[in-house]
């Protein structure tokens, strides 16, 4: 594990107050050990589809290495506009309502900086992706955590949202398909979130980075809900659906008056998203071979999903049905261990890496995140080790 270094007293108070990511210690250990069966990494184990890679390589050989426009290649913005309309019936003007970003992380940062004033509050249903609260704090605003429950399939409870409202509440941040639980968006519940946002005149940031990775359900694109488009900032990208994590390419789409505020920050912060990634992404969205590859990856994840969920349940770890992304979120409370002790002991005693649910905020306590973005062989081996570990813990308890 890497050496911990104290921050200089000259570092800003805002940065000094940021909590380290709950994922960091596990990634440090994974980098040092080769004997671990990892269910910890939230990254596709597939290479970027060949047709996409070839486009990127060809663009480099042709010398296409200069900046694009700040908003990104118009060809890509046009392709993305058509893609969203074809899949979800939602339209964004490629000239004024779409921006290409350095991953979805930048897109989220731009959205938060663009809409939040110092001291504003944003509702963040938890558990959630580990960077959400930190990014809100970097925008000098306040993340208001609203715990979700397994009994509600990890969807926001409207009554709980109401209790956390204040005069400073500006927006709500949602994410479906969901990290860390793997839950897909339920239309009826998302419509309830929309009515809540309308009633209190809130903006909605909808992180839909896993939109193509759904199983036995259709993805619900939030801005496609009647009345949602005008108050929604849609975030998405290419990392998960197209196995393009290292290409660092995401996007934001929103009504022009909001989107242009994101673009203004992006101009000073980044200049433009990576050119090679943008050129390759046009192929990702338009080439039939790319579409075929995405479907093959989705089907592989679906097989793995069934394997891991059935395995966890047979061990006696209740698991909410994950219908999207590539995560399962089993309840480990029956073992008598808290989630951090479970994860660390499982790593030390059986060399299996999972992530404690508490790393993802309130509501995650007593659960662990298991990524099935790994081979079926690895999943089967991990399940055997988890079962052995759980039996030992229960016997000793």
Foldseek 3Di string as FASTA:
>chain_A
DDDDDQDDPPDDPLVNPDDPFLCVVVVVVVVVDDPFLELADQAFPDAQDPLLVVLLVVCVVVVVFDFDFLQADLLLLVLVQVLCCVQQVDGFDSVFFKGKFQALVLVLLLLLLLFADAAAEEEEEDLAPLCVQSSNSVSNYGYDYQYDAVVVVSAGDLVSVVVRDDPRYAAYEEEAVGPPALAGDDVVSLVVVVVSCVVVVHAYEYEYAFQLQFAPDHHHQNCSPVPNQQRYKYKYFCCQLRVPVVLRIIMIGHPRVRVVSSSVVSCVPPVGRGRSSSSSVSCCSPPVSNVVVSVVSSVQLVVLLVVLQVLCVVLPFDWRRNGTRFKIKTQQVVLVDKQVVLQVCLCVPVSYHWRQLCSSPPNRIRITIGGSSDHSVSSVSSSVSSSVVSVVSNVVD
